[in-house]
Amino acid sequence: WYYEYYKSPMEQMHERCENYPPCDYLSDQIGFSMAYN
């Protein structure tokens, strides 16, 4: 029940990057961690 409603910090970071188009595009090119940084 807890994990259905609360996301892990890594999943929150992925969503933050996906919601920002330049980061989402760059993550497809060079990877998530480098784009997020």
Full PDB file with SEQRES, HELIX, SHEET, SSBOND, CRYST1, ORIGX, SCALE, CONECT and MASTER records, all heavy atoms in Angstrom:
SEQRES   1 A   37  TRP TYR TYR GLU TYR TYR LYS SER PRO MET GLU GLN MET          
SEQRES   2 A   37  HIS GLU ARG CYS GLU ASN TYR PRO PRO CYS ASP TYR LEU          
SEQRES   3 A   37  SER ASP GLN ILE GLY PHE SER MET ALA TYR ASN                  
HELIX    1 AA1 TYR A    2  TYR A    5  1                                   4    
HELIX    2 AA2 PRO A    9  ASN A   19  1                                  11    
HELIX    3 AA3 PRO A   21  ILE A   30  1                                  10    
HELIX    4 AA4 PHE A   32  TYR A   36  1                                   5    
SSBOND   1 CYS A   17    CYS A   23                          1555   1555  1.97  
CRYST1    1.000    1.000    1.000  90.00  90.00  90.00 P 1           1          
ORIGX1      1.000000  0.000000  0.000000        0.00000                         
ORIGX2      0.000000  1.000000  0.000000        0.00000                         
ORIGX3      0.000000  0.000000  1.000000        0.00000                         
SCALE1      1.000000  0.000000  0.000000        0.00000                         
SCALE2      0.000000  1.000000  0.000000        0.00000                         
SCALE3      0.000000  0.000000  1.000000        0.00000                         
ATOM      1  N   TRP A   1       0.828  -1.193   0.000  1.00  0.00           N  
ATOM      2  CA  TRP A   1       0.000   0.000   0.000  1.00  0.00           C  
ATOM      3  C   TRP A   1       0.872   1.256   0.000  1.00  0.00           C  
ATOM      4  O   TRP A   1       0.615   2.201  -0.738  1.00  0.00           O  
ATOM      5  CB  TRP A   1      -0.902  -0.004   1.232  1.00  0.00           C  
ATOM      6  CG  TRP A   1      -1.743   1.226   1.340  1.00  0.00           C  
ATOM      7  CD1 TRP A   1      -2.932   1.460   0.721  1.00  0.00           C  
ATOM      8  CD2 TRP A   1      -1.456   2.407   2.095  1.00  0.00           C  
ATOM      9  NE1 TRP A   1      -3.401   2.707   1.050  1.00  0.00           N  
ATOM     10  CE2 TRP A   1      -2.507   3.316   1.894  1.00  0.00           C  
ATOM     11  CE3 TRP A   1      -0.400   2.795   2.913  1.00  0.00           C  
ATOM     12  CZ2 TRP A   1      -2.532   4.567   2.487  1.00  0.00           C  
ATOM     13  CZ3 TRP A   1      -0.436   4.047   3.495  1.00  0.00           C  
ATOM     14  CH2 TRP A   1      -1.494   4.908   3.276  1.00  0.00           C  
ATOM     15  N   TYR A   2       1.930   1.268   0.817  1.00  0.00           N  
ATOM     16  CA  TYR A   2       2.812   2.428   0.915  1.00  0.00           C  
ATOM     17  C   TYR A   2       3.485   2.717  -0.420  1.00  0.00           C  
ATOM     18  O   TYR A   2       3.515   3.849  -0.890  1.00  0.00           O  
ATOM     19  CB  TYR A   2       3.868   2.172   1.999  1.00  0.00           C  
ATOM     20  CG  TYR A   2       4.866   3.291   2.151  1.00  0.00           C  
ATOM     21  CD1 TYR A   2       4.560   4.414   2.904  1.00  0.00           C  
ATOM     22  CD2 TYR A   2       6.103   3.241   1.536  1.00  0.00           C  
ATOM     23  CE1 TYR A   2       5.462   5.452   3.050  1.00  0.00           C  
ATOM     24  CE2 TYR A   2       7.025   4.263   1.677  1.00  0.00           C  
ATOM     25  CZ  TYR A   2       6.699   5.366   2.430  1.00  0.00           C  
ATOM     26  OH  TYR A   2       7.594   6.386   2.558  1.00  0.00           O  
ATOM     27  N   TYR A   3       4.028   1.685  -1.063  1.00  0.00           N  
ATOM     28  CA  TYR A   3       4.753   1.899  -2.310  1.00  0.00           C  
ATOM     29  C   TYR A   3       3.836   2.156  -3.499  1.00  0.00           C  
ATOM     30  O   TYR A   3       4.307   2.580  -4.545  1.00  0.00           O  
ATOM     31  CB  TYR A   3       5.711   0.744  -2.584  1.00  0.00           C  
ATOM     32  CG  TYR A   3       6.973   0.923  -1.775  1.00  0.00           C  
ATOM     33  CD1 TYR A   3       7.201   0.200  -0.633  1.00  0.00           C  
ATOM     34  CD2 TYR A   3       7.900   1.889  -2.144  1.00  0.00           C  
ATOM     35  CE1 TYR A   3       8.336   0.403   0.130  1.00  0.00           C  
ATOM     36  CE2 TYR A   3       9.035   2.108  -1.398  1.00  0.00           C  
ATOM     37  CZ  TYR A   3       9.253   1.354  -0.263  1.00  0.00           C  
ATOM     38  OH  TYR A   3      10.376   1.578   0.479  1.00  0.00           O  
ATOM     39  N   GLU A   4       2.544   1.926  -3.344  1.00  0.00           N  
ATOM     40  CA  GLU A   4       1.604   2.295  -4.390  1.00  0.00           C  
ATOM     41  C   GLU A   4       1.424   3.812  -4.421  1.00  0.00           C  
ATOM     42  O   GLU A   4       1.259   4.407  -5.482  1.00  0.00           O  
ATOM     43  CB  GLU A   4       0.265   1.612  -4.147  1.00  0.00           C  
ATOM     44  CG  GLU A   4      -0.768   1.948  -5.197  1.00  0.00           C  
ATOM     45  CD  GLU A   4      -2.098   1.273  -4.940  1.00  0.00           C  
ATOM     46  OE1 GLU A   4      -2.176   0.426  -4.034  1.00  0.00           O  
ATOM     47  OE2 GLU A   4      -3.055   1.614  -5.637  1.00  0.00           O  
ATOM     48  N   TYR A   5       1.466   4.448  -3.262  1.00  0.00           N  
ATOM     49  CA  TYR A   5       1.187   5.885  -3.171  1.00  0.00           C  
ATOM     50  C   TYR A   5       2.431   6.759  -3.115  1.00  0.00           C  
ATOM     51  O   TYR A   5       2.370   7.924  -3.464  1.00  0.00           O  
ATOM     52  CB  TYR A   5       0.305   6.165  -1.955  1.00  0.00           C  
ATOM     53  CG  TYR A   5      -1.088   5.619  -2.131  1.00  0.00           C  
ATOM     54  CD1 TYR A   5      -1.490   4.458  -1.499  1.00  0.00           C  
ATOM     55  CD2 TYR A   5      -1.994   6.253  -2.976  1.00  0.00           C  
ATOM     56  CE1 TYR A   5      -2.768   3.947  -1.679  1.00  0.00           C  
ATOM     57  CE2 TYR A   5      -3.269   5.748  -3.169  1.00  0.00           C  
ATOM     58  CZ  TYR A   5      -3.648   4.601  -2.515  1.00  0.00           C  
ATOM     59  OH  TYR A   5      -4.900   4.101  -2.714  1.00  0.00           O  
ATOM     60  N   TYR A   6       3.558   6.225  -2.665  1.00  0.00           N  
ATOM     61  CA  TYR A   6       4.766   7.024  -2.518  1.00  0.00           C  
ATOM     62  C   TYR A   6       5.862   6.487  -3.420  1.00  0.00           C  
ATOM     63  O   TYR A   6       6.169   5.301  -3.394  1.00  0.00           O  
ATOM     64  CB  TYR A   6       5.221   7.036  -1.058  1.00  0.00           C  
ATOM     65  CG  TYR A   6       4.196   7.639  -0.150  1.00  0.00           C  
ATOM     66  CD1 TYR A   6       3.367   6.843   0.620  1.00  0.00           C  
ATOM     67  CD2 TYR A   6       4.019   9.019  -0.089  1.00  0.00           C  
ATOM     68  CE1 TYR A   6       2.401   7.394   1.446  1.00  0.00           C  
ATOM     69  CE2 TYR A   6       3.054   9.581   0.722  1.00  0.00           C  
ATOM     70  CZ  TYR A   6       2.253   8.758   1.485  1.00  0.00           C  
ATOM     71  OH  TYR A   6       1.297   9.312   2.284  1.00  0.00           O  
ATOM     72  N   LYS A   7       6.447   7.370  -4.209  1.00  0.00           N  
ATOM     73  CA  LYS A   7       7.464   6.969  -5.174  1.00  0.00           C  
ATOM     74  C   LYS A   7       8.851   7.092  -4.555  1.00  0.00           C  
ATOM     75  O   LYS A   7       9.085   7.915  -3.678  1.00  0.00           O  
ATOM     76  CB  LYS A   7       7.379   7.851  -6.404  1.00  0.00           C  
ATOM     77  CG  LYS A   7       6.063   7.711  -7.108  1.00  0.00           C  
ATOM     78  CD  LYS A   7       5.960   8.642  -8.266  1.00  0.00           C  
ATOM     79  CE  LYS A   7       4.595   8.488  -8.884  1.00  0.00           C  
ATOM     80  NZ  LYS A   7       4.264   9.545  -9.757  1.00  0.00           N  
ATOM     81  N   SER A   8       9.764   6.305  -5.070  1.00  0.00           N  
ATOM     82  CA  SER A   8      11.143   6.354  -4.596  1.00  0.00           C  
ATOM     83  C   SER A   8      11.788   7.656  -5.092  1.00  0.00           C  
ATOM     84  O   SER A   8      11.344   8.248  -6.085  1.00  0.00           O  
ATOM     85  CB  SER A   8      11.927   5.161  -5.126  1.00  0.00           C  
ATOM     86  OG  SER A   8      12.090   5.273  -6.528  1.00  0.00           O  
ATOM     87  N   PRO A   9      12.832   8.110  -4.432  1.00  0.00           N  
ATOM     88  CA  PRO A   9      13.512   9.337  -4.888  1.00  0.00           C  
ATOM     89  C   PRO A   9      14.031   9.226  -6.314  1.00  0.00           C  
ATOM     90  O   PRO A   9      13.977  10.187  -7.075  1.00  0.00           O  
ATOM     91  CB  PRO A   9      14.665   9.491  -3.898  1.00  0.00           C  
ATOM     92  CG  PRO A   9      14.215   8.780  -2.676  1.00  0.00           C  
ATOM     93  CD  PRO A   9      13.363   7.652  -3.150  1.00  0.00           C  
ATOM     94  N   MET A  10      14.506   8.037  -6.711  1.00  0.00           N  
ATOM     95  CA  MET A  10      15.011   7.865  -8.077  1.00  0.00           C  
ATOM     96  C   MET A  10      13.872   8.005  -9.093  1.00  0.00           C  
ATOM     97  O   MET A  10      14.042   8.624 -10.137  1.00  0.00           O  
ATOM     98  CB  MET A  10      15.676   6.497  -8.225  1.00  0.00           C  
ATOM     99  CG  MET A  10      16.299   6.280  -9.594  1.00  0.00           C  
ATOM    100  SD  MET A  10      17.571   7.480 -10.023  1.00  0.00           S  
ATOM    101  CE  MET A  10      18.970   6.785  -9.209  1.00  0.00           C  
ATOM    102  N   GLU A  11      12.704   7.454  -8.777  1.00  0.00           N  
ATOM    103  CA  GLU A  11      11.564   7.583  -9.687  1.00  0.00           C  
ATOM    104  C   GLU A  11      11.104   9.038  -9.764  1.00  0.00           C  
ATOM    105  O   GLU A  11      10.720   9.510 -10.839  1.00  0.00           O  
ATOM    106  CB  GLU A  11      10.423   6.688  -9.229  1.00  0.00           C  
ATOM    107  CG  GLU A  11       9.305   6.606 -10.232  1.00  0.00           C  
ATOM    108  CD  GLU A  11       8.264   5.572  -9.891  1.00  0.00           C  
ATOM    109  OE1 GLU A  11       8.516   4.727  -9.009  1.00  0.00           O  
ATOM    110  OE2 GLU A  11       7.196   5.613 -10.509  1.00  0.00           O  
ATOM    111  N   GLN A  12      11.167   9.764  -8.662  1.00  0.00           N  
ATOM    112  CA  GLN A  12      10.810  11.183  -8.682  1.00  0.00           C  
ATOM    113  C   GLN A  12      11.777  11.963  -9.567  1.00  0.00           C  
ATOM    114  O   GLN A  12      11.368  12.864 -10.321  1.00  0.00           O  
ATOM    115  CB  GLN A  12      10.819  11.744  -7.270  1.00  0.00           C  
ATOM    116  CG  GLN A  12       9.695  11.233  -6.407  1.00  0.00           C  
ATOM    117  CD  GLN A  12       9.804  11.707  -4.968  1.00  0.00           C  
ATOM    118  OE1 GLN A  12      10.752  12.396  -4.595  1.00  0.00           O  
ATOM    119  NE2 GLN A  12       8.834  11.327  -4.163  1.00  0.00           N  
ATOM    120  N   MET A  13      13.066  11.607  -9.514  1.00  0.00           N  
ATOM    121  CA  MET A  13      14.051  12.283 -10.368  1.00  0.00           C  
ATOM    122  C   MET A  13      13.802  11.961 -11.840  1.00  0.00           C  
ATOM    123  O   MET A  13      13.909  12.843 -12.699  1.00  0.00           O  
ATOM    124  CB  MET A  13      15.467  11.888  -9.967  1.00  0.00           C  
ATOM    125  CG  MET A  13      15.908  12.477  -8.654  1.00  0.00           C  
ATOM    126  SD  MET A  13      17.633  12.240  -8.289  1.00  0.00           S  
ATOM    127  CE  MET A  13      17.713  10.485  -8.033  1.00  0.00           C  
ATOM    128  N   HIS A  14      13.482  10.709 -12.142  1.00  0.00           N  
ATOM    129  CA  HIS A  14      13.178  10.338 -13.519  1.00  0.00           C  
ATOM    130  C   HIS A  14      11.988  11.136 -14.033  1.00  0.00           C  
ATOM    131  O   HIS A  14      12.010  11.641 -15.152  1.00  0.00           O  
ATOM    132  CB  HIS A  14      12.885   8.844 -13.622  1.00  0.00           C  
ATOM    133  CG  HIS A  14      14.102   8.007 -13.802  1.00  0.00           C  
ATOM    134  ND1 HIS A  14      14.686   7.811 -15.030  1.00  0.00           N  
ATOM    135  CD2 HIS A  14      14.857   7.320 -12.918  1.00  0.00           C  
ATOM    136  CE1 HIS A  14      15.739   7.039 -14.891  1.00  0.00           C  
ATOM    137  NE2 HIS A  14      15.864   6.716 -13.614  1.00  0.00           N  
ATOM    138  N   GLU A  15      10.942  11.271 -13.232  1.00  0.00           N  
ATOM    139  CA  GLU A  15       9.769  12.030 -13.660  1.00  0.00           C  
ATOM    140  C   GLU A  15      10.090  13.506 -13.826  1.00  0.00           C  
ATOM    141  O   GLU A  15       9.590  14.149 -14.748  1.00  0.00           O  
ATOM    142  CB  GLU A  15       8.631  11.842 -12.668  1.00  0.00           C  
ATOM    143  CG  GLU A  15       8.023  10.465 -12.756  1.00  0.00           C  
ATOM    144  CD  GLU A  15       6.807  10.309 -11.871  1.00  0.00           C  
ATOM    145  OE1 GLU A  15       6.479  11.254 -11.115  1.00  0.00           O  
ATOM    146  OE2 GLU A  15       6.189   9.241 -11.939  1.00  0.00           O  
ATOM    147  N   ARG A  16      10.930  14.032 -12.954  1.00  0.00           N  
ATOM    148  CA  ARG A  16      11.316  15.448 -13.071  1.00  0.00           C  
ATOM    149  C   ARG A  16      12.052  15.671 -14.389  1.00  0.00           C  
ATOM    150  O   ARG A  16      11.808  16.654 -15.087  1.00  0.00           O  
ATOM    151  CB  ARG A  16      12.200  15.828 -11.888  1.00  0.00           C  
ATOM    152  CG  ARG A  16      12.580  17.272 -11.861  1.00  0.00           C  
ATOM    153  CD  ARG A  16      13.389  17.584 -10.622  1.00  0.00           C  
ATOM    154  NE  ARG A  16      13.724  18.985 -10.557  1.00  0.00           N  
ATOM    155  CZ  ARG A  16      14.642  19.490  -9.758  1.00  0.00           C  
ATOM    156  NH1 ARG A  16      15.290  18.708  -8.919  1.00  0.00           N  
ATOM    157  NH2 ARG A  16      14.896  20.769  -9.765  1.00  0.00           N  
ATOM    158  N   CYS A  17      12.937  14.743 -14.749  1.00  0.00           N  
ATOM    159  CA  CYS A  17      13.677  14.864 -16.001  1.00  0.00           C  
ATOM    160  C   CYS A  17      12.747  14.661 -17.202  1.00  0.00           C  
ATOM    161  O   CYS A  17      12.872  15.358 -18.204  1.00  0.00           O  
ATOM    162  CB  CYS A  17      14.820  13.854 -16.027  1.00  0.00           C  
ATOM    163  SG  CYS A  17      15.926  14.027 -17.441  1.00  0.00           S  
ATOM    164  N   GLU A  18      11.824  13.704 -17.111  1.00  0.00           N  
ATOM    165  CA  GLU A  18      10.901  13.457 -18.213  1.00  0.00           C  
ATOM    166  C   GLU A  18       9.965  14.633 -18.457  1.00  0.00           C  
ATOM    167  O   GLU A  18       9.562  14.877 -19.586  1.00  0.00           O  
ATOM    168  CB  GLU A  18      10.069  12.205 -17.935  1.00  0.00           C  
ATOM    169  CG  GLU A  18      10.844  10.924 -18.041  1.00  0.00           C  
ATOM    170  CD  GLU A  18      10.049   9.728 -17.564  1.00  0.00           C  
ATOM    171  OE1 GLU A  18       8.885   9.906 -17.115  1.00  0.00           O  
ATOM    172  OE2 GLU A  18      10.589   8.618 -17.625  1.00  0.00           O  
ATOM    173  N   ASN A  19       9.610  15.360 -17.420  1.00  0.00           N  
ATOM    174  CA  ASN A  19       8.700  16.492 -17.563  1.00  0.00           C  
ATOM    175  C   ASN A  19       9.386  17.739 -18.098  1.00  0.00           C  
ATOM    176  O   ASN A  19       8.708  18.704 -18.454  1.00  0.00           O  
ATOM    177  CB  ASN A  19       8.018  16.804 -16.234  1.00  0.00           C  
ATOM    178  CG  ASN A  19       7.031  15.730 -15.842  1.00  0.00           C  
ATOM    179  OD1 ASN A  19       6.504  15.025 -16.691  1.00  0.00           O  
ATOM    180  ND2 ASN A  19       6.791  15.595 -14.555  1.00  0.00           N  
ATOM    181  N   TYR A  20      10.716  17.746 -18.142  1.00  0.00           N  
ATOM    182  CA  TYR A  20      11.474  18.873 -18.680  1.00  0.00           C  
ATOM    183  C   TYR A  20      12.028  18.437 -20.037  1.00  0.00           C  
ATOM    184  O   TYR A  20      12.950  17.616 -20.101  1.00  0.00           O  
ATOM    185  CB  TYR A  20      12.582  19.253 -17.706  1.00  0.00           C  
ATOM    186  CG  TYR A  20      13.339  20.506 -18.076  1.00  0.00           C  
ATOM    187  CD1 TYR A  20      12.680  21.710 -18.258  1.00  0.00           C  
ATOM    188  CD2 TYR A  20      14.713  20.483 -18.242  1.00  0.00           C  
ATOM    189  CE1 TYR A  20      13.367  22.857 -18.593  1.00  0.00           C  
ATOM    190  CE2 TYR A  20      15.418  21.622 -18.577  1.00  0.00           C  
ATOM    191  CZ  TYR A  20      14.742  22.812 -18.754  1.00  0.00           C  
ATOM    192  OH  TYR A  20      15.423  23.943 -19.094  1.00  0.00           O  
ATOM    193  N   PRO A  21      11.445  18.922 -21.151  1.00  0.00           N  
ATOM    194  CA  PRO A  21      11.795  18.397 -22.476  1.00  0.00           C  
ATOM    195  C   PRO A  21      13.285  18.391 -22.825  1.00  0.00           C  
ATOM    196  O   PRO A  21      13.761  17.401 -23.378  1.00  0.00           O  
ATOM    197  CB  PRO A  21      10.996  19.287 -23.435  1.00  0.00           C  
ATOM    198  CG  PRO A  21       9.818  19.718 -22.626  1.00  0.00           C  
ATOM    199  CD  PRO A  21      10.340  19.880 -21.217  1.00  0.00           C  
ATOM    200  N   PRO A  22      14.073  19.445 -22.508  1.00  0.00           N  
ATOM    201  CA  PRO A  22      15.501  19.343 -22.842  1.00  0.00           C  
ATOM    202  C   PRO A  22      16.204  18.196 -22.099  1.00  0.00           C  
ATOM    203  O   PRO A  22      17.040  17.505 -22.671  1.00  0.00           O  
ATOM    204  CB  PRO A  22      16.072  20.703 -22.412  1.00  0.00           C  
ATOM    205  CG  PRO A  22      14.920  21.628 -22.433  1.00  0.00           C  
ATOM    206  CD  PRO A  22      13.740  20.805 -22.031  1.00  0.00           C  
ATOM    207  N   CYS A  23      15.854  17.980 -20.847  1.00  0.00           N  
ATOM    208  CA  CYS A  23      16.459  16.889 -20.084  1.00  0.00           C  
ATOM    209  C   CYS A  23      16.006  15.546 -20.635  1.00  0.00           C  
ATOM    210  O   CYS A  23      16.804  14.608 -20.757  1.00  0.00           O  
ATOM    211  CB  CYS A  23      16.097  17.021 -18.605  1.00  0.00           C  
ATOM    212  SG  CYS A  23      16.848  15.769 -17.550  1.00  0.00           S  
ATOM    213  N   ASP A  24      14.743  15.428 -20.990  1.00  0.00           N  
ATOM    214  CA  ASP A  24      14.227  14.179 -21.537  1.00  0.00           C  
ATOM    215  C   ASP A  24      14.925  13.839 -22.859  1.00  0.00           C  
ATOM    216  O   ASP A  24      15.317  12.696 -23.092  1.00  0.00           O  
ATOM    217  CB  ASP A  24      12.718  14.299 -21.741  1.00  0.00           C  
ATOM    218  CG  ASP A  24      12.077  12.991 -22.133  1.00  0.00           C  
ATOM    219  OD1 ASP A  24      12.544  11.930 -21.656  1.00  0.00           O  
ATOM    220  OD2 ASP A  24      11.103  13.019 -22.895  1.00  0.00           O  
ATOM    221  N   TYR A  25      15.094  14.835 -23.706  1.00  0.00           N  
ATOM    222  CA  TYR A  25      15.759  14.609 -24.987  1.00  0.00           C  
ATOM    223  C   TYR A  25      17.213  14.196 -24.766  1.00  0.00           C  
ATOM    224  O   TYR A  25      17.700  13.241 -25.376  1.00  0.00           O  
ATOM    225  CB  TYR A  25      15.684  15.875 -25.844  1.00  0.00           C  
ATOM    226  CG  TYR A  25      16.445  15.757 -27.139  1.00  0.00           C  
ATOM    227  CD1 TYR A  25      15.927  15.029 -28.199  1.00  0.00           C  
ATOM    228  CD2 TYR A  25      17.686  16.356 -27.285  1.00  0.00           C  
ATOM    229  CE1 TYR A  25      16.619  14.911 -29.388  1.00  0.00           C  
ATOM    230  CE2 TYR A  25      18.394  16.243 -28.474  1.00  0.00           C  
ATOM    231  CZ  TYR A  25      17.862  15.522 -29.522  1.00  0.00           C  
ATOM    232  OH  TYR A  25      18.556  15.401 -30.696  1.00  0.00           O  
ATOM    233  N   LEU A  26      17.910  14.919 -23.883  1.00  0.00           N  
ATOM    234  CA  LEU A  26      19.315  14.623 -23.644  1.00  0.00           C  
ATOM    235  C   LEU A  26      19.497  13.270 -22.971  1.00  0.00           C  
ATOM    236  O   LEU A  26      20.477  12.572 -23.224  1.00  0.00           O  
ATOM    237  CB  LEU A  26      19.949  15.729 -22.791  1.00  0.00           C  
ATOM    238  CG  LEU A  26      21.474  15.709 -22.696  1.00  0.00           C  
ATOM    239  CD1 LEU A  26      22.098  15.869 -24.083  1.00  0.00           C  
ATOM    240  CD2 LEU A  26      21.958  16.813 -21.782  1.00  0.00           C  
ATOM    241  N   SER A  27      18.561  12.868 -22.136  1.00  0.00           N  
ATOM    242  CA  SER A  27      18.673  11.564 -21.485  1.00  0.00           C  
ATOM    243  C   SER A  27      18.588  10.425 -22.497  1.00  0.00           C  
ATOM    244  O   SER A  27      19.185   9.373 -22.295  1.00  0.00           O  
ATOM    245  CB  SER A  27      17.614  11.398 -20.403  1.00  0.00           C  
ATOM    246  OG  SER A  27      16.343  11.271 -20.973  1.00  0.00           O  
ATOM    247  N   ASP A  28      17.869  10.643 -23.595  1.00  0.00           N  
ATOM    248  CA  ASP A  28      17.842   9.632 -24.657  1.00  0.00           C  
ATOM    249  C   ASP A  28      19.180   9.569 -25.392  1.00  0.00           C  
ATOM    250  O   ASP A  28      19.540   8.522 -25.922  1.00  0.00           O  
ATOM    251  CB  ASP A  28      16.727   9.940 -25.662  1.00  0.00           C  
ATOM    252  CG  ASP A  28      15.345   9.749 -25.071  1.00  0.00           C  
ATOM    253  OD1 ASP A  28      15.222   8.992 -24.082  1.00  0.00           O  
ATOM    254  OD2 ASP A  28      14.391  10.354 -25.598  1.00  0.00           O  
ATOM    255  N   GLN A  29      19.903  10.674 -25.399  1.00  0.00           N  
ATOM    256  CA  GLN A  29      21.165  10.724 -26.135  1.00  0.00           C  
ATOM    257  C   GLN A  29      22.352  10.232 -25.311  1.00  0.00           C  
ATOM    258  O   GLN A  29      23.144   9.424 -25.785  1.00  0.00           O  
ATOM    259  CB  GLN A  29      21.442  12.174 -26.601  1.00  0.00           C  
ATOM    260  CG  GLN A  29      20.333  12.798 -27.400  1.00  0.00           C  
ATOM    261  CD  GLN A  29      20.015  12.055 -28.669  1.00  0.00           C  
ATOM    262  OE1 GLN A  29      20.922  11.608 -29.352  1.00  0.00           O  
ATOM    263  NE2 GLN A  29      18.741  11.904 -28.978  1.00  0.00           N  
ATOM    264  N   ILE A  30      22.470  10.723 -24.073  1.00  0.00           N  
ATOM    265  CA  ILE A  30      23.673  10.424 -23.281  1.00  0.00           C  
ATOM    266  C   ILE A  30      23.402   9.660 -21.995  1.00  0.00           C  
ATOM    267  O   ILE A  30      24.331   9.309 -21.280  1.00  0.00           O  
ATOM    268  CB  ILE A  30      24.448  11.721 -22.934  1.00  0.00           C  
ATOM    269  CG1 ILE A  30      23.606  12.649 -22.066  1.00  0.00           C  
ATOM    270  CG2 ILE A  30      24.899  12.422 -24.195  1.00  0.00           C  
ATOM    271  CD1 ILE A  30      24.359  13.849 -21.541  1.00  0.00           C  
ATOM    272  N   GLY A  31      22.144   9.405 -21.689  1.00  0.00           N  
ATOM    273  CA  GLY A  31      21.811   8.662 -20.477  1.00  0.00           C  
ATOM    274  C   GLY A  31      21.192   9.562 -19.421  1.00  0.00           C  
ATOM    275  O   GLY A  31      21.422  10.779 -19.391  1.00  0.00           O  
ATOM    276  N   PHE A  32      20.414   8.932 -18.541  1.00  0.00           N  
ATOM    277  CA  PHE A  32      19.668   9.689 -17.549  1.00  0.00           C  
ATOM    278  C   PHE A  32      20.561  10.423 -16.563  1.00  0.00           C  
ATOM    279  O   PHE A  32      20.372  11.600 -16.291  1.00  0.00           O  
ATOM    280  CB  PHE A  32      18.714   8.765 -16.781  1.00  0.00           C  
ATOM    281  CG  PHE A  32      18.168   9.391 -15.538  1.00  0.00           C  
ATOM    282  CD1 PHE A  32      17.214  10.381 -15.610  1.00  0.00           C  
ATOM    283  CD2 PHE A  32      18.642   9.027 -14.287  1.00  0.00           C  
ATOM    284  CE1 PHE A  32      16.729  10.989 -14.473  1.00  0.00           C  
ATOM    285  CE2 PHE A  32      18.161   9.617 -13.146  1.00  0.00           C  
ATOM    286  CZ  PHE A  32      17.203  10.602 -13.238  1.00  0.00           C  
ATOM    287  N   SER A  33      21.542   9.734 -15.998  1.00  0.00           N  
ATOM    288  CA  SER A  33      22.332  10.344 -14.923  1.00  0.00           C  
ATOM    289  C   SER A  33      23.098  11.570 -15.397  1.00  0.00           C  
ATOM    290  O   SER A  33      23.139  12.592 -14.693  1.00  0.00           O  
ATOM    291  CB  SER A  33      23.293   9.319 -14.312  1.00  0.00           C  
ATOM    292  OG  SER A  33      24.171   8.831 -15.294  1.00  0.00           O  
ATOM    293  N   MET A  34      23.673  11.500 -16.586  1.00  0.00           N  
ATOM    294  CA  MET A  34      24.423  12.663 -17.097  1.00  0.00           C  
ATOM    295  C   MET A  34      23.477  13.817 -17.439  1.00  0.00           C  
ATOM    296  O   MET A  34      23.787  14.977 -17.179  1.00  0.00           O  
ATOM    297  CB  MET A  34      25.253  12.264 -18.303  1.00  0.00           C  
ATOM    298  CG  MET A  34      26.388  11.309 -17.936  1.00  0.00           C  
ATOM    299  SD  MET A  34      27.332  10.751 -19.342  1.00  0.00           S  
ATOM    300  CE  MET A  34      28.153  12.251 -19.814  1.00  0.00           C  
ATOM    301  N   ALA A  35      22.325  13.500 -18.009  1.00  0.00           N  
ATOM    302  CA  ALA A  35      21.363  14.549 -18.346  1.00  0.00           C  
ATOM    303  C   ALA A  35      20.813  15.199 -17.082  1.00  0.00           C  
ATOM    304  O   ALA A  35      20.689  16.427 -17.007  1.00  0.00           O  
ATOM    305  CB  ALA A  35      20.224  13.972 -19.180  1.00  0.00           C  
ATOM    306  N   TYR A  36      20.498  14.394 -16.073  1.00  0.00           N  
ATOM    307  CA  TYR A  36      19.972  14.945 -14.826  1.00  0.00           C  
ATOM    308  C   TYR A  36      21.008  15.842 -14.155  1.00  0.00           C  
ATOM    309  O   TYR A  36      20.686  16.923 -13.663  1.00  0.00           O  
ATOM    310  CB  TYR A  36      19.546  13.827 -13.885  1.00  0.00           C  
ATOM    311  CG  TYR A  36      18.793  14.335 -12.681  1.00  0.00           C  
ATOM    312  CD1 TYR A  36      17.421  14.524 -12.739  1.00  0.00           C  
ATOM    313  CD2 TYR A  36      19.452  14.650 -11.492  1.00  0.00           C  
ATOM    314  CE1 TYR A  36      16.720  15.002 -11.652  1.00  0.00           C  
ATOM    315  CE2 TYR A  36      18.762  15.127 -10.402  1.00  0.00           C  
ATOM    316  CZ  TYR A  36      17.401  15.311 -10.478  1.00  0.00           C  
ATOM    317  OH  TYR A  36      16.714  15.789  -9.401  1.00  0.00           O  
ATOM    318  N   ASN A  37      22.260  15.403 -14.126  1.00  0.00           N  
ATOM    319  CA  ASN A  37      23.320  16.211 -13.530  1.00  0.00           C  
ATOM    320  C   ASN A  37      23.498  17.530 -14.264  1.00  0.00           C  
ATOM    321  O   ASN A  37      23.781  18.555 -13.643  1.00  0.00           O  
ATOM    322  CB  ASN A  37      24.639  15.443 -13.531  1.00  0.00           C  
ATOM    323  CG  ASN A  37      24.655  14.340 -12.505  1.00  0.00           C  
ATOM    324  OD1 ASN A  37      23.856  14.337 -11.573  1.00  0.00           O  
ATOM    325  ND2 ASN A  37      25.545  13.388 -12.686  1.00  0.00           N  
TER     326      ASN A  37                                                      
CONECT  163  212                                                                
CONECT  212  163                                                                
MASTER        0    0    0    4    0    0    0    6  325    1    2    3          
END                                                                             
